[in-house]
Amino acid sequence: MHPAFTRQIGSKLGDWAAMRWVAQPQVQAAPVRGALFLGCFLASLQALDGIFTSIGINRYGLAIEGNPLLRTVMEQFGHIPTLAILKFLAILIVVFLTIVSFRRRWVMRAMGAVSFIYLFMAILPWAYILFVNSDI
């Protein structure tokens, strides 16, 4: 092959790759925004769960914690340090999953499902116990 022809084809391929790279973020802007929203929402739920759990333990004692493993760790090290470390690790996992969800759409759908379950199985029950039915 003639060197000038090779340079011409290489130039065209380089232009095509550059155009594809520039156009790619515009196509993925909506999924990235959705993943960021879900990540922030799930991290907020984690923080709120930590706050509600701490209020519940202060008000009713460690017996209110439903997770026996977590209750045992709280008895050993105290509920504030345990919750702080646990929620910090949980939020780190949420950040990792949010980054992964930019490339894998199923992770974003899974984060949405986990957010829904977490809201109805952890946050709303705590809110009910702490703010509606406080005579437990």
C-alpha atoms as a PDB file:
ATOM      1  CA  MET A   1       0.000   0.000   0.000  1.00  0.00           C
ATOM      2  CA  HIS A   2       1.158   3.502  -0.719  1.00  0.00           C
ATOM      3  CA  PRO A   3       2.168   5.492   2.410  1.00  0.00           C
ATOM      4  CA  ALA A   4       0.023   8.496   1.445  1.00  0.00           C
ATOM      5  CA  PHE A   5      -3.033   6.240   1.152  1.00  0.00           C
ATOM      6  CA  THR A   6      -2.291   4.705   4.584  1.00  0.00           C
ATOM      7  CA  ARG A   7      -1.992   8.185   6.156  1.00  0.00           C
ATOM      8  CA  GLN A   8      -5.276   9.240   4.551  1.00  0.00           C
ATOM      9  CA  ILE A   9      -7.164   6.201   5.876  1.00  0.00           C
ATOM     10  CA  GLY A  10      -5.523   6.609   9.309  1.00  0.00           C
ATOM     11  CA  SER A  11      -6.604  10.229   9.359  1.00  0.00           C
ATOM     12  CA  LYS A  12     -10.192   9.319   8.502  1.00  0.00           C
ATOM     13  CA  LEU A  13     -10.273   6.618  11.188  1.00  0.00           C
ATOM     14  CA  GLY A  14      -8.859   9.081  13.707  1.00  0.00           C
ATOM     15  CA  ASP A  15     -11.555  11.620  12.773  1.00  0.00           C
ATOM     16  CA  TRP A  16     -14.250   8.978  13.168  1.00  0.00           C
ATOM     17  CA  ALA A  17     -12.928   7.896  16.580  1.00  0.00           C
ATOM     18  CA  ALA A  18     -12.720  11.505  17.741  1.00  0.00           C
ATOM     19  CA  MET A  19     -16.278  12.222  16.580  1.00  0.00           C
ATOM     20  CA  ARG A  20     -17.519   9.099  18.346  1.00  0.00           C
ATOM     21  CA  TRP A  21     -15.728  10.062  21.568  1.00  0.00           C
ATOM     22  CA  VAL A  22     -17.103  13.609  21.509  1.00  0.00           C
ATOM     23  CA  ALA A  23     -20.655  12.456  20.782  1.00  0.00           C
ATOM     24  CA  GLN A  24     -20.627   9.731  23.440  1.00  0.00           C
ATOM     25  CA  PRO A  25     -21.135  11.915  26.565  1.00  0.00           C
ATOM     26  CA  GLN A  26     -24.121  13.639  24.957  1.00  0.00           C
ATOM     27  CA  VAL A  27     -25.811  10.297  24.387  1.00  0.00           C
ATOM     28  CA  GLN A  28     -25.129   9.094  27.941  1.00  0.00           C
ATOM     29  CA  ALA A  29     -26.006  12.320  29.778  1.00  0.00           C
ATOM     30  CA  ALA A  30     -29.481  11.193  30.865  1.00  0.00           C
ATOM     31  CA  PRO A  31     -28.396   7.771  32.244  1.00  0.00           C
ATOM     32  CA  VAL A  32     -25.497   9.393  34.107  1.00  0.00           C
ATOM     33  CA  ARG A  33     -27.828  11.974  35.628  1.00  0.00           C
ATOM     34  CA  GLY A  34     -30.237   9.204  36.663  1.00  0.00           C
ATOM     35  CA  ALA A  35     -27.423   7.188  38.208  1.00  0.00           C
ATOM     36  CA  LEU A  36     -26.194  10.236  40.117  1.00  0.00           C
ATOM     37  CA  PHE A  37     -29.722  10.914  41.384  1.00  0.00           C
ATOM     38  CA  LEU A  38     -30.164   7.301  42.521  1.00  0.00           C
ATOM     39  CA  GLY A  39     -26.741   7.294  44.144  1.00  0.00           C
ATOM     40  CA  CYS A  40     -27.491  10.492  46.077  1.00  0.00           C
ATOM     41  CA  PHE A  41     -30.944   9.201  47.020  1.00  0.00           C
ATOM     42  CA  LEU A  42     -29.610   5.857  48.275  1.00  0.00           C
ATOM     43  CA  ALA A  43     -26.766   7.552  50.178  1.00  0.00           C
ATOM     44  CA  SER A  44     -29.331   9.887  51.772  1.00  0.00           C
ATOM     45  CA  LEU A  45     -31.439   6.905  52.796  1.00  0.00           C
ATOM     46  CA  GLN A  46     -28.369   5.325  54.390  1.00  0.00           C
ATOM     47  CA  ALA A  47     -27.619   8.486  56.367  1.00  0.00           C
ATOM     48  CA  LEU A  48     -31.264   8.867  57.408  1.00  0.00           C
ATOM     49  CA  ASP A  49     -31.365   5.250  58.545  1.00  0.00           C
ATOM     50  CA  GLY A  50     -28.293   5.860  60.682  1.00  0.00           C
ATOM     51  CA  ILE A  51     -29.869   8.945  62.250  1.00  0.00           C
ATOM     52  CA  PHE A  52     -33.211   7.211  62.874  1.00  0.00           C
ATOM     53  CA  THR A  53     -31.478   4.149  64.323  1.00  0.00           C
ATOM     54  CA  SER A  54     -29.452   6.310  66.673  1.00  0.00           C
ATOM     55  CA  ILE A  55     -32.566   8.204  67.837  1.00  0.00           C
ATOM     56  CA  GLY A  56     -34.435   4.925  68.306  1.00  0.00           C
ATOM     57  CA  ILE A  57     -31.635   3.379  70.367  1.00  0.00           C
ATOM     58  CA  ASN A  58     -31.331   6.506  72.507  1.00  0.00           C
ATOM     59  CA  ARG A  59     -35.084   6.462  73.133  1.00  0.00           C
ATOM     60  CA  TYR A  60     -35.809   2.729  73.496  1.00  0.00           C
ATOM     61  CA  GLY A  61     -32.454   1.022  74.084  1.00  0.00           C
ATOM     62  CA  LEU A  62     -30.505  -1.516  72.039  1.00  0.00           C
ATOM     63  CA  ALA A  63     -33.401  -3.982  72.069  1.00  0.00           C
ATOM     64  CA  ILE A  64     -35.116  -1.912  69.358  1.00  0.00           C
ATOM     65  CA  GLU A  65     -32.408  -2.847  66.819  1.00  0.00           C
ATOM     66  CA  GLY A  66     -33.766  -5.725  64.755  1.00  0.00           C
ATOM     67  CA  ASN A  67     -30.438  -7.045  63.433  1.00  0.00           C
ATOM     68  CA  PRO A  68     -28.930  -9.360  66.079  1.00  0.00           C
ATOM     69  CA  LEU A  69     -25.414  -9.187  64.618  1.00  0.00           C
ATOM     70  CA  LEU A  70     -25.490  -5.390  64.544  1.00  0.00           C
ATOM     71  CA  ARG A  71     -26.951  -5.323  68.063  1.00  0.00           C
ATOM     72  CA  THR A  72     -24.063  -7.467  69.328  1.00  0.00           C
ATOM     73  CA  VAL A  73     -21.481  -5.172  67.740  1.00  0.00           C
ATOM     74  CA  MET A  74     -23.280  -2.156  69.202  1.00  0.00           C
ATOM     75  CA  GLU A  75     -23.176  -3.737  72.665  1.00  0.00           C
ATOM     76  CA  GLN A  76     -19.439  -4.278  72.272  1.00  0.00           C
ATOM     77  CA  PHE A  77     -18.393  -0.910  70.789  1.00  0.00           C
ATOM     78  CA  GLY A  78     -21.337   1.442  71.328  1.00  0.00           C
ATOM     79  CA  HIS A  79     -24.069   2.348  68.902  1.00  0.00           C
ATOM     80  CA  ILE A  80     -22.676   5.688  67.653  1.00  0.00           C
ATOM     81  CA  PRO A  81     -19.262   4.366  66.489  1.00  0.00           C
ATOM     82  CA  THR A  82     -20.862   1.229  65.058  1.00  0.00           C
ATOM     83  CA  LEU A  83     -23.453   3.186  63.091  1.00  0.00           C
ATOM     84  CA  ALA A  84     -20.885   5.739  61.905  1.00  0.00           C
ATOM     85  CA  ILE A  85     -18.549   3.060  60.536  1.00  0.00           C
ATOM     86  CA  LEU A  86     -21.386   0.975  59.108  1.00  0.00           C
ATOM     87  CA  LYS A  87     -23.048   3.892  57.318  1.00  0.00           C
ATOM     88  CA  PHE A  88     -19.698   5.211  56.062  1.00  0.00           C
ATOM     89  CA  LEU A  89     -18.978   1.815  54.482  1.00  0.00           C
ATOM     90  CA  ALA A  90     -22.509   1.625  53.087  1.00  0.00           C
ATOM     91  CA  ILE A  91     -22.161   5.059  51.457  1.00  0.00           C
ATOM     92  CA  LEU A  92     -18.776   4.035  49.995  1.00  0.00           C
ATOM     93  CA  ILE A  93     -20.483   1.020  48.428  1.00  0.00           C
ATOM     94  CA  VAL A  94     -23.213   3.299  47.046  1.00  0.00           C
ATOM     95  CA  VAL A  95     -20.552   5.561  45.504  1.00  0.00           C
ATOM     96  CA  PHE A  96     -18.852   2.528  43.933  1.00  0.00           C
ATOM     97  CA  LEU A  97     -22.161   1.219  42.566  1.00  0.00           C
ATOM     98  CA  THR A  98     -23.008   4.654  41.186  1.00  0.00           C
ATOM     99  CA  ILE A  99     -19.723   4.739  39.280  1.00  0.00           C
ATOM    100  CA  VAL A 100     -20.262   1.190  37.990  1.00  0.00           C
ATOM    101  CA  SER A 101     -23.814   2.081  36.922  1.00  0.00           C
ATOM    102  CA  PHE A 102     -22.427   4.588  34.392  1.00  0.00           C
ATOM    103  CA  ARG A 103     -21.288   1.581  32.330  1.00  0.00           C
ATOM    104  CA  ARG A 104     -23.709  -1.142  33.410  1.00  0.00           C
ATOM    105  CA  ARG A 105     -27.351  -0.108  33.175  1.00  0.00           C
ATOM    106  CA  TRP A 106     -28.575  -3.101  35.173  1.00  0.00           C
ATOM    107  CA  VAL A 107     -26.706  -1.753  38.217  1.00  0.00           C
ATOM    108  CA  MET A 108     -28.739   1.459  38.026  1.00  0.00           C
ATOM    109  CA  ARG A 109     -31.976  -0.552  37.889  1.00  0.00           C
ATOM    110  CA  ALA A 110     -30.805  -2.628  40.855  1.00  0.00           C
ATOM    111  CA  MET A 111     -30.000   0.556  42.800  1.00  0.00           C
ATOM    112  CA  GLY A 112     -33.518   1.786  42.116  1.00  0.00           C
ATOM    113  CA  ALA A 113     -34.982  -1.469  43.421  1.00  0.00           C
ATOM    114  CA  VAL A 114     -32.767  -1.383  46.516  1.00  0.00           C
ATOM    115  CA  SER A 115     -33.760   2.247  47.165  1.00  0.00           C
ATOM    116  CA  PHE A 116     -37.441   1.341  46.944  1.00  0.00           C
ATOM    117  CA  ILE A 117     -37.048  -1.656  49.277  1.00  0.00           C
ATOM    118  CA  TYR A 118     -34.861   0.302  51.712  1.00  0.00           C
ATOM    119  CA  LEU A 119     -37.345   3.158  51.865  1.00  0.00           C
ATOM    120  CA  PHE A 120     -40.273   0.869  52.686  1.00  0.00           C
ATOM    121  CA  MET A 121     -38.442  -1.658  54.872  1.00  0.00           C
ATOM    122  CA  ALA A 122     -36.166   0.627  56.922  1.00  0.00           C
ATOM    123  CA  ILE A 123     -36.913   4.347  56.677  1.00  0.00           C
ATOM    124  CA  LEU A 124     -40.721   4.364  56.854  1.00  0.00           C
ATOM    125  CA  PRO A 125     -40.896   1.863  59.744  1.00  0.00           C
ATOM    126  CA  TRP A 126     -38.388   3.944  61.720  1.00  0.00           C
ATOM    127  CA  ALA A 127     -40.321   7.122  60.920  1.00  0.00           C
ATOM    128  CA  TYR A 128     -43.534   5.474  62.116  1.00  0.00           C
ATOM    129  CA  ILE A 129     -41.961   4.201  65.351  1.00  0.00           C
ATOM    130  CA  LEU A 130     -40.207   7.475  66.150  1.00  0.00           C
ATOM    131  CA  PHE A 131     -42.727  10.086  65.072  1.00  0.00           C
ATOM    132  CA  VAL A 132     -46.189   8.522  64.856  1.00  0.00           C
ATOM    133  CA  ASN A 133     -46.408   5.676  67.337  1.00  0.00           C
ATOM    134  CA  SER A 134     -43.944   6.755  70.003  1.00  0.00           C
ATOM    135  CA  ASP A 135     -45.447   4.654  72.815  1.00  0.00           C
ATOM    136  CA  ILE A 136     -43.571   1.430  71.991  1.00  0.00           C
END
